[in-house]
């Protein structure tokens, strides 16, 4: 079979690899679509593990089932996520499922989704693979995992109807955050980015206002929000400047969600005194647990959040290198989908 082997953002090559054979407790999936995630093009993070086959926003068709597998059958249309919590450790039982060591260290996909076929085993098969609704396309299903992270992020942000939300960074996750916040009843939504194309999309997808990231955001928020700062500030860009900007944009009693964080070793100086006095909450959020993915699938299935309008590029596996270069450049680009059998 053919796979897209990642070396760096400018070198993703189509190579031949032996087609996996499922054991008794595994399934084999024909990959129909796989999205390029922002983390796939996070070169400083990925390159240390290269070469490897990436791809975790995947959907496909079950083509072989191990003798011990009862949950799935040949022909099932599925979505599967590679990171799944164990469900029984201290952190899982406390509700911090994405802090689970199994979630963070175990990958039950072999190889990644940028391949014609992959094998699914372990927890990814038990609790991380779902049969798709008949109405959902394979391309729509590639949004389940990224939207799942957004669902988790908004739950962590404790978003309430009518609240003013500032979304810092309008890449694919920021835009999904805007769509989801709007669907959940947010009041004013203010989006930032450095790119005018993404700011335009932010307005199309539900932001009332969009602002260039280098503007005085706190003053702008006060101007459009009756003299108040934002109730919720959600950082969806890994730039250090976004993290620094966020701490000046949250209102009294508000919350900052570090959904995206700067690179390891980069730090943000914070004077905690005003946060302490003003009852401001700082939170982080990482990944998506099974519940988040199920809720994301239902939001897409029910039409509460539309995702087709976020796909700007589609490529066959033979053009995966071009797809990665476009995604990494980010110009006039939102979601890039790879279709391994086209």
C-alpha atoms as a PDB file:
ATOM      1  CA  UNK A   1       0.000   0.000   0.000  1.00  0.00           C
ATOM      2  CA  UNK A   2       0.995   3.654  -0.328  1.00  0.00           C
ATOM      3  CA  UNK A   3       1.624   6.020   2.594  1.00  0.00           C
ATOM      4  CA  UNK A   4       2.659   9.646   3.016  1.00  0.00           C
ATOM      5  CA  UNK A   5       5.974   9.563   4.897  1.00  0.00           C
ATOM      6  CA  UNK A   6       6.696  12.763   6.825  1.00  0.00           C
ATOM      7  CA  UNK A   7      10.280  14.087   7.091  1.00  0.00           C
ATOM      8  CA  UNK A   8       9.491  17.795   7.472  1.00  0.00           C
ATOM      9  CA  UNK A   9       6.830  20.215   6.260  1.00  0.00           C
ATOM     10  CA  UNK A  10       8.530  20.516   2.868  1.00  0.00           C
ATOM     11  CA  UNK A  11       9.300  16.827   2.486  1.00  0.00           C
ATOM     12  CA  UNK A  12       6.358  14.440   2.714  1.00  0.00           C
ATOM     13  CA  UNK A  13       6.902  11.603   0.259  1.00  0.00           C
ATOM     14  CA  UNK A  14       4.676   8.846  -1.077  1.00  0.00           C
ATOM     15  CA  UNK A  15       6.258   5.513  -0.233  1.00  0.00           C
ATOM     16  CA  UNK A  16       5.328   1.851  -0.308  1.00  0.00           C
ATOM     17  CA  UNK A  17       4.666  -0.005   2.929  1.00  0.00           C
ATOM     18  CA  UNK A  18       3.373  -3.487   3.619  1.00  0.00           C
ATOM     19  CA  UNK A  19      -0.388  -3.540   4.125  1.00  0.00           C
ATOM     20  CA  UNK A  20      -1.187  -4.330   7.790  1.00  0.00           C
ATOM     21  CA  UNK A  21      -2.808  -7.638   8.710  1.00  0.00           C
ATOM     22  CA  UNK A  22      -5.177  -7.426  11.712  1.00  0.00           C
ATOM     23  CA  UNK A  23      -4.762  -9.800  14.651  1.00  0.00           C
ATOM     24  CA  UNK A  24      -7.776 -11.413  16.318  1.00  0.00           C
ATOM     25  CA  UNK A  25      -8.551  -8.299  18.396  1.00  0.00           C
ATOM     26  CA  UNK A  26      -7.956  -5.705  15.654  1.00  0.00           C
ATOM     27  CA  UNK A  27      -9.644  -4.288  12.567  1.00  0.00           C
ATOM     28  CA  UNK A  28      -8.292  -3.088   9.234  1.00  0.00           C
ATOM     29  CA  UNK A  29      -9.674   0.176   7.842  1.00  0.00           C
ATOM     30  CA  UNK A  30      -9.564   1.541   4.316  1.00  0.00           C
ATOM     31  CA  UNK A  31      -8.904   5.251   4.845  1.00  0.00           C
ATOM     32  CA  UNK A  32     -11.216   7.436   2.759  1.00  0.00           C
ATOM     33  CA  UNK A  33     -10.301  10.852   4.165  1.00  0.00           C
ATOM     34  CA  UNK A  34      -7.823  12.344   6.622  1.00  0.00           C
ATOM     35  CA  UNK A  35      -7.406  16.003   7.541  1.00  0.00           C
ATOM     36  CA  UNK A  36      -4.087  17.751   8.041  1.00  0.00           C
ATOM     37  CA  UNK A  37      -4.135  19.008  11.628  1.00  0.00           C
ATOM     38  CA  UNK A  38      -2.344  22.090  12.874  1.00  0.00           C
ATOM     39  CA  UNK A  39      -0.252  19.792  15.059  1.00  0.00           C
ATOM     40  CA  UNK A  40       0.830  17.823  11.953  1.00  0.00           C
ATOM     41  CA  UNK A  41       2.569  20.939  10.626  1.00  0.00           C
ATOM     42  CA  UNK A  42       4.003  21.938  14.016  1.00  0.00           C
ATOM     43  CA  UNK A  43       7.460  21.177  12.669  1.00  0.00           C
ATOM     44  CA  UNK A  44       9.448  21.825  15.854  1.00  0.00           C
ATOM     45  CA  UNK A  45       7.343  19.130  17.515  1.00  0.00           C
ATOM     46  CA  UNK A  46       7.052  16.607  14.674  1.00  0.00           C
ATOM     47  CA  UNK A  47      10.513  16.635  13.167  1.00  0.00           C
ATOM     48  CA  UNK A  48      12.176  14.999  16.185  1.00  0.00           C
ATOM     49  CA  UNK A  49      10.080  11.867  15.558  1.00  0.00           C
ATOM     50  CA  UNK A  50      10.513  11.804  11.773  1.00  0.00           C
ATOM     51  CA  UNK A  51      10.304   9.897   9.537  1.00  0.00           C
ATOM     52  CA  UNK A  52       6.797   8.725  10.334  1.00  0.00           C
ATOM     53  CA  UNK A  53       3.293   8.463   8.894  1.00  0.00           C
ATOM     54  CA  UNK A  54       1.102  11.136  10.442  1.00  0.00           C
ATOM     55  CA  UNK A  55      -2.659  11.632  10.291  1.00  0.00           C
ATOM     56  CA  UNK A  56      -5.198  11.318  13.109  1.00  0.00           C
ATOM     57  CA  UNK A  57      -8.279  13.139  11.743  1.00  0.00           C
ATOM     58  CA  UNK A  58      -9.397  10.101   9.791  1.00  0.00           C
ATOM     59  CA  UNK A  59     -12.464   8.273   8.586  1.00  0.00           C
ATOM     60  CA  UNK A  60     -12.867   5.126   6.550  1.00  0.00           C
ATOM     61  CA  UNK A  61     -14.429   1.741   5.936  1.00  0.00           C
ATOM     62  CA  UNK A  62     -13.808  -1.475   7.860  1.00  0.00           C
ATOM     63  CA  UNK A  63     -12.455  -4.028   5.380  1.00  0.00           C
ATOM     64  CA  UNK A  64     -11.255  -6.811   7.726  1.00  0.00           C
ATOM     65  CA  UNK A  65     -12.245  -7.807  11.265  1.00  0.00           C
ATOM     66  CA  UNK A  66     -10.335  -9.986  13.727  1.00  0.00           C
ATOM     67  CA  UNK A  67     -12.106 -13.091  14.984  1.00  0.00           C
ATOM     68  CA  UNK A  68     -12.382 -11.734  18.534  1.00  0.00           C
ATOM     69  CA  UNK A  69     -13.935  -8.387  17.508  1.00  0.00           C
ATOM     70  CA  UNK A  70     -17.712  -8.246  17.984  1.00  0.00           C
ATOM     71  CA  UNK A  71     -18.369  -4.488  17.929  1.00  0.00           C
ATOM     72  CA  UNK A  72     -17.617  -3.945  14.229  1.00  0.00           C
ATOM     73  CA  UNK A  73     -18.223  -5.738  10.970  1.00  0.00           C
ATOM     74  CA  UNK A  74     -16.884  -5.517   7.452  1.00  0.00           C
ATOM     75  CA  UNK A  75     -18.419  -2.559   5.616  1.00  0.00           C
ATOM     76  CA  UNK A  76     -18.937  -0.335   8.666  1.00  0.00           C
ATOM     77  CA  UNK A  77     -18.185   3.340   8.046  1.00  0.00           C
ATOM     78  CA  UNK A  78     -16.151   4.629  10.978  1.00  0.00           C
ATOM     79  CA  UNK A  79     -14.246   7.450  12.605  1.00  0.00           C
ATOM     80  CA  UNK A  80     -11.383   6.597  14.964  1.00  0.00           C
ATOM     81  CA  UNK A  81      -9.130   8.579  17.259  1.00  0.00           C
ATOM     82  CA  UNK A  82      -5.559   7.524  18.047  1.00  0.00           C
ATOM     83  CA  UNK A  83      -5.316   8.792  21.652  1.00  0.00           C
ATOM     84  CA  UNK A  84      -7.800   7.284  24.117  1.00  0.00           C
ATOM     85  CA  UNK A  85      -7.683   7.268  27.952  1.00  0.00           C
ATOM     86  CA  UNK A  86      -7.452   4.035  29.904  1.00  0.00           C
ATOM     87  CA  UNK A  87     -10.659   4.802  31.804  1.00  0.00           C
ATOM     88  CA  UNK A  88      -9.471   3.384  35.111  1.00  0.00           C
ATOM     89  CA  UNK A  89      -6.505   5.381  36.384  1.00  0.00           C
ATOM     90  CA  UNK A  90      -6.663   8.073  39.082  1.00  0.00           C
ATOM     91  CA  UNK A  91      -6.845  10.892  36.490  1.00  0.00           C
ATOM     92  CA  UNK A  92      -9.560   9.241  34.420  1.00  0.00           C
ATOM     93  CA  UNK A  93     -11.654   8.626  37.513  1.00  0.00           C
ATOM     94  CA  UNK A  94     -11.217  12.271  38.528  1.00  0.00           C
ATOM     95  CA  UNK A  95     -12.414  13.430  35.105  1.00  0.00           C
ATOM     96  CA  UNK A  96      -8.980  14.557  33.855  1.00  0.00           C
ATOM     97  CA  UNK A  97      -9.052  11.982  31.059  1.00  0.00           C
ATOM     98  CA  UNK A  98      -6.598  13.692  28.724  1.00  0.00           C
ATOM     99  CA  UNK A  99      -4.016  13.771  31.543  1.00  0.00           C
ATOM    100  CA  UNK A 100      -4.104   9.952  31.537  1.00  0.00           C
ATOM    101  CA  UNK A 101      -0.709   8.418  30.771  1.00  0.00           C
ATOM    102  CA  UNK A 102      -2.278   5.985  28.305  1.00  0.00           C
ATOM    103  CA  UNK A 103      -3.934   8.888  26.468  1.00  0.00           C
ATOM    104  CA  UNK A 104      -0.686  10.814  26.184  1.00  0.00           C
ATOM    105  CA  UNK A 105       1.711   7.991  25.323  1.00  0.00           C
ATOM    106  CA  UNK A 106      -0.168   5.202  23.508  1.00  0.00           C
ATOM    107  CA  UNK A 107      -1.089   5.335  19.812  1.00  0.00           C
ATOM    108  CA  UNK A 108      -3.309   2.458  18.665  1.00  0.00           C
ATOM    109  CA  UNK A 109      -3.264   3.295  14.934  1.00  0.00           C
ATOM    110  CA  UNK A 110      -0.774   1.490  12.690  1.00  0.00           C
ATOM    111  CA  UNK A 111       0.355   3.468  10.746  1.00  0.00           C
ATOM    112  CA  UNK A 112      -1.178   6.981  10.708  1.00  0.00           C
ATOM    113  CA  UNK A 113      -4.134   8.145   8.640  1.00  0.00           C
ATOM    114  CA  UNK A 114      -2.078   9.370   5.693  1.00  0.00           C
ATOM    115  CA  UNK A 115      -2.061   5.835   4.360  1.00  0.00           C
ATOM    116  CA  UNK A 116      -4.377   3.736   2.242  1.00  0.00           C
ATOM    117  CA  UNK A 117      -5.029   1.295   5.088  1.00  0.00           C
ATOM    118  CA  UNK A 118      -4.445   1.253   8.825  1.00  0.00           C
ATOM    119  CA  UNK A 119      -4.902  -1.178  11.669  1.00  0.00           C
ATOM    120  CA  UNK A 120      -6.784  -0.202  14.848  1.00  0.00           C
ATOM    121  CA  UNK A 121      -6.316  -1.957  18.172  1.00  0.00           C
ATOM    122  CA  UNK A 122      -6.489  -1.564  21.954  1.00  0.00           C
ATOM    123  CA  UNK A 123      -8.381   1.307  23.543  1.00  0.00           C
ATOM    124  CA  UNK A 124      -8.742   3.075  20.203  1.00  0.00           C
ATOM    125  CA  UNK A 125     -10.848   0.144  19.069  1.00  0.00           C
ATOM    126  CA  UNK A 126     -12.705  -0.309  22.361  1.00  0.00           C
ATOM    127  CA  UNK A 127     -13.736   3.273  23.098  1.00  0.00           C
ATOM    128  CA  UNK A 128     -12.234   5.479  20.367  1.00  0.00           C
ATOM    129  CA  UNK A 129     -13.863   4.138  17.191  1.00  0.00           C
ATOM    130  CA  UNK A 130     -17.435   5.011  16.242  1.00  0.00           C
ATOM    131  CA  UNK A 131     -19.817   4.020  13.473  1.00  0.00           C
ATOM    132  CA  UNK A 132     -20.721   7.079  11.423  1.00  0.00           C
ATOM    133  CA  UNK A 133     -24.323   8.216  10.917  1.00  0.00           C
ATOM    134  CA  UNK A 134     -25.554   7.420   7.415  1.00  0.00           C
ATOM    135  CA  UNK A 135     -25.987  11.129   6.712  1.00  0.00           C
ATOM    136  CA  UNK A 136     -22.364  11.996   7.527  1.00  0.00           C
ATOM    137  CA  UNK A 137     -19.753  12.035   4.770  1.00  0.00           C
ATOM    138  CA  UNK A 138     -16.207  10.801   5.263  1.00  0.00           C
ATOM    139  CA  UNK A 139     -14.935  14.366   4.854  1.00  0.00           C
ATOM    140  CA  UNK A 140     -17.322  15.691   7.505  1.00  0.00           C
ATOM    141  CA  UNK A 141     -16.154  12.916   9.840  1.00  0.00           C
ATOM    142  CA  UNK A 142     -12.566  14.193   9.717  1.00  0.00           C
ATOM    143  CA  UNK A 143     -13.773  17.141  11.804  1.00  0.00           C
ATOM    144  CA  UNK A 144     -15.005  15.001  14.713  1.00  0.00           C
ATOM    145  CA  UNK A 145     -11.678  14.928  16.574  1.00  0.00           C
ATOM    146  CA  UNK A 146     -10.774  18.627  16.158  1.00  0.00           C
ATOM    147  CA  UNK A 147     -14.322  19.653  17.049  1.00  0.00           C
ATOM    148  CA  UNK A 148     -14.105  17.282  20.023  1.00  0.00           C
ATOM    149  CA  UNK A 149     -11.155  19.275  21.344  1.00  0.00           C
ATOM    150  CA  UNK A 150     -13.209  22.458  20.923  1.00  0.00           C
ATOM    151  CA  UNK A 151     -16.186  20.951  22.771  1.00  0.00           C
ATOM    152  CA  UNK A 152     -13.831  20.077  25.621  1.00  0.00           C
ATOM    153  CA  UNK A 153     -12.303  23.548  25.508  1.00  0.00           C
ATOM    154  CA  UNK A 154     -15.647  25.321  25.788  1.00  0.00           C
ATOM    155  CA  UNK A 155     -16.700  23.034  28.619  1.00  0.00           C
ATOM    156  CA  UNK A 156     -13.477  23.954  30.425  1.00  0.00           C
ATOM    157  CA  UNK A 157     -14.210  27.625  29.745  1.00  0.00           C
ATOM    158  CA  UNK A 158     -17.633  27.207  31.402  1.00  0.00           C
ATOM    159  CA  UNK A 159     -19.219  29.249  28.637  1.00  0.00           C
ATOM    160  CA  UNK A 160     -22.633  30.698  29.513  1.00  0.00           C
ATOM    161  CA  UNK A 161     -25.211  32.092  27.056  1.00  0.00           C
ATOM    162  CA  UNK A 162     -24.764  35.773  26.344  1.00  0.00           C
ATOM    163  CA  UNK A 163     -21.137  36.001  27.459  1.00  0.00           C
ATOM    164  CA  UNK A 164     -18.574  37.995  25.504  1.00  0.00           C
ATOM    165  CA  UNK A 165     -15.912  35.706  24.068  1.00  0.00           C
ATOM    166  CA  UNK A 166     -12.535  36.694  22.619  1.00  0.00           C
ATOM    167  CA  UNK A 167     -10.942  34.027  20.406  1.00  0.00           C
ATOM    168  CA  UNK A 168      -7.240  34.729  19.848  1.00  0.00           C
ATOM    169  CA  UNK A 169      -6.206  33.020  16.628  1.00  0.00           C
ATOM    170  CA  UNK A 170      -8.558  32.180  13.754  1.00  0.00           C
ATOM    171  CA  UNK A 171      -6.971  29.066  12.329  1.00  0.00           C
ATOM    172  CA  UNK A 172      -9.117  25.975  11.910  1.00  0.00           C
ATOM    173  CA  UNK A 173      -9.454  25.446  15.683  1.00  0.00           C
ATOM    174  CA  UNK A 174     -10.197  29.094  16.358  1.00  0.00           C
ATOM    175  CA  UNK A 175     -12.870  29.069  13.666  1.00  0.00           C
ATOM    176  CA  UNK A 176     -14.407  25.879  15.055  1.00  0.00           C
ATOM    177  CA  UNK A 177     -14.334  27.562  18.465  1.00  0.00           C
ATOM    178  CA  UNK A 178     -16.259  30.507  17.015  1.00  0.00           C
ATOM    179  CA  UNK A 179     -18.846  28.228  15.391  1.00  0.00           C
ATOM    180  CA  UNK A 180     -19.292  26.190  18.564  1.00  0.00           C
ATOM    181  CA  UNK A 181     -19.483  29.245  20.836  1.00  0.00           C
ATOM    182  CA  UNK A 182     -22.133  30.727  18.571  1.00  0.00           C
ATOM    183  CA  UNK A 183     -24.075  27.442  18.581  1.00  0.00           C
ATOM    184  CA  UNK A 184     -23.922  27.403  22.399  1.00  0.00           C
ATOM    185  CA  UNK A 185     -25.373  30.886  22.716  1.00  0.00           C
ATOM    186  CA  UNK A 186     -22.369  33.160  23.184  1.00  0.00           C
ATOM    187  CA  UNK A 187     -23.027  36.896  23.015  1.00  0.00           C
ATOM    188  CA  UNK A 188     -20.407  39.080  21.334  1.00  0.00           C
ATOM    189  CA  UNK A 189     -17.615  37.045  19.765  1.00  0.00           C
ATOM    190  CA  UNK A 190     -14.408  38.899  18.915  1.00  0.00           C
ATOM    191  CA  UNK A 191     -11.775  37.118  16.811  1.00  0.00           C
ATOM    192  CA  UNK A 192      -8.138  37.949  16.136  1.00  0.00           C
ATOM    193  CA  UNK A 193      -5.556  36.783  13.627  1.00  0.00           C
ATOM    194  CA  UNK A 194      -2.634  38.079  11.621  1.00  0.00           C
ATOM    195  CA  UNK A 195      -4.185  36.999   8.309  1.00  0.00           C
ATOM    196  CA  UNK A 196      -7.006  38.928   6.597  1.00  0.00           C
ATOM    197  CA  UNK A 197      -8.422  35.794   4.909  1.00  0.00           C
ATOM    198  CA  UNK A 198      -8.918  34.128   8.281  1.00  0.00           C
ATOM    199  CA  UNK A 199     -10.402  37.276   9.792  1.00  0.00           C
ATOM    200  CA  UNK A 200     -12.926  37.339   6.937  1.00  0.00           C
ATOM    201  CA  UNK A 201     -13.798  33.688   7.607  1.00  0.00           C
ATOM    202  CA  UNK A 202     -14.146  34.426  11.329  1.00  0.00           C
ATOM    203  CA  UNK A 203     -16.847  36.993  10.523  1.00  0.00           C
ATOM    204  CA  UNK A 204     -18.558  34.572   8.130  1.00  0.00           C
ATOM    205  CA  UNK A 205     -18.549  31.811  10.740  1.00  0.00           C
ATOM    206  CA  UNK A 206     -20.077  33.759  13.605  1.00  0.00           C
ATOM    207  CA  UNK A 207     -17.700  36.372  15.010  1.00  0.00           C
ATOM    208  CA  UNK A 208     -19.349  39.771  15.413  1.00  0.00           C
ATOM    209  CA  UNK A 209     -15.980  41.486  15.175  1.00  0.00           C
ATOM    210  CA  UNK A 210     -12.535  40.563  13.862  1.00  0.00           C
ATOM    211  CA  UNK A 211      -9.341  42.400  14.704  1.00  0.00           C
ATOM    212  CA  UNK A 212      -5.748  42.207  13.509  1.00  0.00           C
ATOM    213  CA  UNK A 213      -3.718  40.514  16.232  1.00  0.00           C
ATOM    214  CA  UNK A 214      -1.263  43.387  16.565  1.00  0.00           C
ATOM    215  CA  UNK A 215      -3.959  45.958  17.460  1.00  0.00           C
ATOM    216  CA  UNK A 216      -4.766  47.114  20.989  1.00  0.00           C
ATOM    217  CA  UNK A 217      -7.274  44.348  21.631  1.00  0.00           C
ATOM    218  CA  UNK A 218      -8.230  45.280  25.181  1.00  0.00           C
ATOM    219  CA  UNK A 219      -9.247  48.780  24.086  1.00  0.00           C
ATOM    220  CA  UNK A 220     -11.221  47.366  21.163  1.00  0.00           C
ATOM    221  CA  UNK A 221     -13.103  44.909  23.391  1.00  0.00           C
ATOM    222  CA  UNK A 222     -14.058  47.679  25.809  1.00  0.00           C
ATOM    223  CA  UNK A 223     -15.223  49.833  22.896  1.00  0.00           C
ATOM    224  CA  UNK A 224     -17.654  47.217  21.556  1.00  0.00           C
ATOM    225  CA  UNK A 225     -18.607  45.565  24.871  1.00  0.00           C
ATOM    226  CA  UNK A 226     -20.062  48.434  26.878  1.00  0.00           C
ATOM    227  CA  UNK A 227     -16.773  49.325  28.546  1.00  0.00           C
ATOM    228  CA  UNK A 228     -16.069  45.788  29.752  1.00  0.00           C
ATOM    229  CA  UNK A 229     -13.416  43.276  28.799  1.00  0.00           C
ATOM    230  CA  UNK A 230     -14.253  39.734  27.657  1.00  0.00           C
ATOM    231  CA  UNK A 231     -15.927  37.223  29.972  1.00  0.00           C
ATOM    232  CA  UNK A 232     -13.989  34.409  28.304  1.00  0.00           C
ATOM    233  CA  UNK A 233     -10.668  34.638  26.463  1.00  0.00           C
ATOM    234  CA  UNK A 234      -9.711  31.519  24.530  1.00  0.00           C
ATOM    235  CA  UNK A 235      -6.183  31.317  23.140  1.00  0.00           C
ATOM    236  CA  UNK A 236      -6.160  29.337  19.891  1.00  0.00           C
ATOM    237  CA  UNK A 237      -2.741  30.422  18.640  1.00  0.00           C
ATOM    238  CA  UNK A 238       0.576  29.146  19.934  1.00  0.00           C
ATOM    239  CA  UNK A 239       2.294  32.503  19.453  1.00  0.00           C
ATOM    240  CA  UNK A 240       3.833  33.898  22.607  1.00  0.00           C
ATOM    241  CA  UNK A 241       2.300  37.284  21.763  1.00  0.00           C
ATOM    242  CA  UNK A 242      -1.210  35.771  21.942  1.00  0.00           C
ATOM    243  CA  UNK A 243      -0.612  34.461  25.463  1.00  0.00           C
ATOM    244  CA  UNK A 244       0.722  37.837  26.567  1.00  0.00           C
ATOM    245  CA  UNK A 245      -2.199  39.648  24.963  1.00  0.00           C
ATOM    246  CA  UNK A 246      -4.795  37.405  26.631  1.00  0.00           C
ATOM    247  CA  UNK A 247      -3.958  38.443  30.181  1.00  0.00           C
ATOM    248  CA  UNK A 248      -4.949  42.044  29.396  1.00  0.00           C
ATOM    249  CA  UNK A 249      -8.281  41.150  27.791  1.00  0.00           C
ATOM    250  CA  UNK A 250     -10.193  39.282  30.500  1.00  0.00           C
ATOM    251  CA  UNK A 251     -12.849  40.968  32.614  1.00  0.00           C
ATOM    252  CA  UNK A 252     -13.354  40.711  36.362  1.00  0.00           C
ATOM    253  CA  UNK A 253     -14.778  37.298  37.195  1.00  0.00           C
ATOM    254  CA  UNK A 254     -13.704  36.090  33.764  1.00  0.00           C
ATOM    255  CA  UNK A 255     -11.660  33.140  32.539  1.00  0.00           C
ATOM    256  CA  UNK A 256      -8.674  32.627  30.233  1.00  0.00           C
ATOM    257  CA  UNK A 257      -8.422  29.239  28.546  1.00  0.00           C
ATOM    258  CA  UNK A 258      -4.918  28.407  27.313  1.00  0.00           C
ATOM    259  CA  UNK A 259      -6.245  26.066  24.629  1.00  0.00           C
ATOM    260  CA  UNK A 260      -3.033  26.645  22.676  1.00  0.00           C
ATOM    261  CA  UNK A 261       0.243  27.377  24.438  1.00  0.00           C
ATOM    262  CA  UNK A 262       3.654  28.761  23.428  1.00  0.00           C
ATOM    263  CA  UNK A 263       6.578  26.462  22.645  1.00  0.00           C
ATOM    264  CA  UNK A 264       8.350  24.621  25.467  1.00  0.00           C
ATOM    265  CA  UNK A 265      10.707  26.982  27.243  1.00  0.00           C
ATOM    266  CA  UNK A 266       8.789  30.126  26.268  1.00  0.00           C
ATOM    267  CA  UNK A 267       7.325  31.859  29.298  1.00  0.00           C
ATOM    268  CA  UNK A 268       4.785  34.575  30.033  1.00  0.00           C
ATOM    269  CA  UNK A 269       5.335  36.994  32.909  1.00  0.00           C
ATOM    270  CA  UNK A 270       2.109  37.445  34.889  1.00  0.00           C
ATOM    271  CA  UNK A 271       1.351  39.803  37.737  1.00  0.00           C
ATOM    272  CA  UNK A 272      -1.117  37.627  39.646  1.00  0.00           C
ATOM    273  CA  UNK A 273      -2.213  40.403  41.993  1.00  0.00           C
ATOM    274  CA  UNK A 274      -4.986  41.849  39.777  1.00  0.00           C
ATOM    275  CA  UNK A 275      -6.144  38.331  38.891  1.00  0.00           C
ATOM    276  CA  UNK A 276      -6.359  37.515  42.583  1.00  0.00           C
ATOM    277  CA  UNK A 277      -8.280  40.689  43.382  1.00  0.00           C
ATOM    278  CA  UNK A 278     -10.642  40.351  40.407  1.00  0.00           C
ATOM    279  CA  UNK A 279     -11.498  36.646  40.678  1.00  0.00           C
ATOM    280  CA  UNK A 280     -10.006  35.728  37.306  1.00  0.00           C
ATOM    281  CA  UNK A 281      -9.554  32.037  36.434  1.00  0.00           C
ATOM    282  CA  UNK A 282      -6.728  30.598  34.327  1.00  0.00           C
ATOM    283  CA  UNK A 283      -7.315  27.207  32.720  1.00  0.00           C
ATOM    284  CA  UNK A 284      -5.680  24.879  30.237  1.00  0.00           C
ATOM    285  CA  UNK A 285      -7.245  22.301  27.937  1.00  0.00           C
ATOM    286  CA  UNK A 286      -5.673  19.488  25.933  1.00  0.00           C
ATOM    287  CA  UNK A 287      -7.078  16.924  23.520  1.00  0.00           C
ATOM    288  CA  UNK A 288     -10.478  15.263  23.302  1.00  0.00           C
ATOM    289  CA  UNK A 289     -11.801  12.329  25.319  1.00  0.00           C
ATOM    290  CA  UNK A 290     -14.417   9.859  23.988  1.00  0.00           C
ATOM    291  CA  UNK A 291     -17.332  11.874  25.399  1.00  0.00           C
ATOM    292  CA  UNK A 292     -16.091  15.000  23.629  1.00  0.00           C
ATOM    293  CA  UNK A 293     -15.862  13.179  20.308  1.00  0.00           C
ATOM    294  CA  UNK A 294     -19.349  11.708  20.653  1.00  0.00           C
ATOM    295  CA  UNK A 295     -20.769  15.159  21.352  1.00  0.00           C
ATOM    296  CA  UNK A 296     -18.837  16.609  18.399  1.00  0.00           C
ATOM    297  CA  UNK A 297     -20.216  13.915  16.098  1.00  0.00           C
ATOM    298  CA  UNK A 298     -23.743  14.765  17.224  1.00  0.00           C
ATOM    299  CA  UNK A 299     -23.204  18.499  16.674  1.00  0.00           C
ATOM    300  CA  UNK A 300     -22.147  17.788  13.090  1.00  0.00           C
ATOM    301  CA  UNK A 301     -24.849  15.179  12.479  1.00  0.00           C
ATOM    302  CA  UNK A 302     -27.595  17.451  13.752  1.00  0.00           C
ATOM    303  CA  UNK A 303     -26.462  20.383  11.622  1.00  0.00           C
ATOM    304  CA  UNK A 304     -25.738  22.541  14.681  1.00  0.00           C
ATOM    305  CA  UNK A 305     -22.187  23.050  13.428  1.00  0.00           C
ATOM    306  CA  UNK A 306     -21.484  22.956   9.693  1.00  0.00           C
ATOM    307  CA  UNK A 307     -17.997  21.951   8.610  1.00  0.00           C
ATOM    308  CA  UNK A 308     -18.109  21.546   4.812  1.00  0.00           C
ATOM    309  CA  UNK A 309     -17.497  25.268   4.339  1.00  0.00           C
ATOM    310  CA  UNK A 310     -14.160  24.941   6.149  1.00  0.00           C
ATOM    311  CA  UNK A 311     -12.596  22.629   3.545  1.00  0.00           C
ATOM    312  CA  UNK A 312     -10.481  24.722   1.169  1.00  0.00           C
ATOM    313  CA  UNK A 313      -8.259  22.028  -0.380  1.00  0.00           C
ATOM    314  CA  UNK A 314      -8.534  18.333  -1.265  1.00  0.00           C
ATOM    315  CA  UNK A 315      -5.649  16.229  -2.552  1.00  0.00           C
ATOM    316  CA  UNK A 316      -5.045  12.603  -3.461  1.00  0.00           C
ATOM    317  CA  UNK A 317      -2.258  10.852  -1.575  1.00  0.00           C
ATOM    318  CA  UNK A 318       0.035  11.394  -4.567  1.00  0.00           C
ATOM    319  CA  UNK A 319      -0.095  15.142  -3.848  1.00  0.00           C
ATOM    320  CA  UNK A 320       0.298  14.966  -0.065  1.00  0.00           C
ATOM    321  CA  UNK A 321       3.556  16.927  -0.241  1.00  0.00           C
ATOM    322  CA  UNK A 322       1.732  19.806  -1.892  1.00  0.00           C
ATOM    323  CA  UNK A 323      -1.033  19.557   0.694  1.00  0.00           C
ATOM    324  CA  UNK A 324       1.446  19.856   3.559  1.00  0.00           C
ATOM    325  CA  UNK A 325       3.197  22.831   1.987  1.00  0.00           C
ATOM    326  CA  UNK A 326      -0.103  24.653   1.507  1.00  0.00           C
ATOM    327  CA  UNK A 327      -1.256  23.842   5.047  1.00  0.00           C
ATOM    328  CA  UNK A 328       2.073  24.946   6.530  1.00  0.00           C
ATOM    329  CA  UNK A 329       2.061  28.198   4.577  1.00  0.00           C
ATOM    330  CA  UNK A 330      -1.526  28.877   5.639  1.00  0.00           C
ATOM    331  CA  UNK A 331      -2.265  31.387   2.878  1.00  0.00           C
ATOM    332  CA  UNK A 332      -5.928  31.357   1.785  1.00  0.00           C
ATOM    333  CA  UNK A 333      -6.193  27.962   3.427  1.00  0.00           C
ATOM    334  CA  UNK A 334      -8.303  26.441   6.193  1.00  0.00           C
ATOM    335  CA  UNK A 335      -8.709  22.648   6.178  1.00  0.00           C
ATOM    336  CA  UNK A 336      -6.712  20.429   3.821  1.00  0.00           C
ATOM    337  CA  UNK A 337      -8.111  16.932   3.292  1.00  0.00           C
ATOM    338  CA  UNK A 338      -6.070  13.996   1.949  1.00  0.00           C
ATOM    339  CA  UNK A 339      -8.010  11.257   0.125  1.00  0.00           C
ATOM    340  CA  UNK A 340      -5.700   8.198  -0.021  1.00  0.00           C
ATOM    341  CA  UNK A 341      -7.687   6.264  -2.634  1.00  0.00           C
ATOM    342  CA  UNK A 342      -8.259   9.019  -5.178  1.00  0.00           C
END
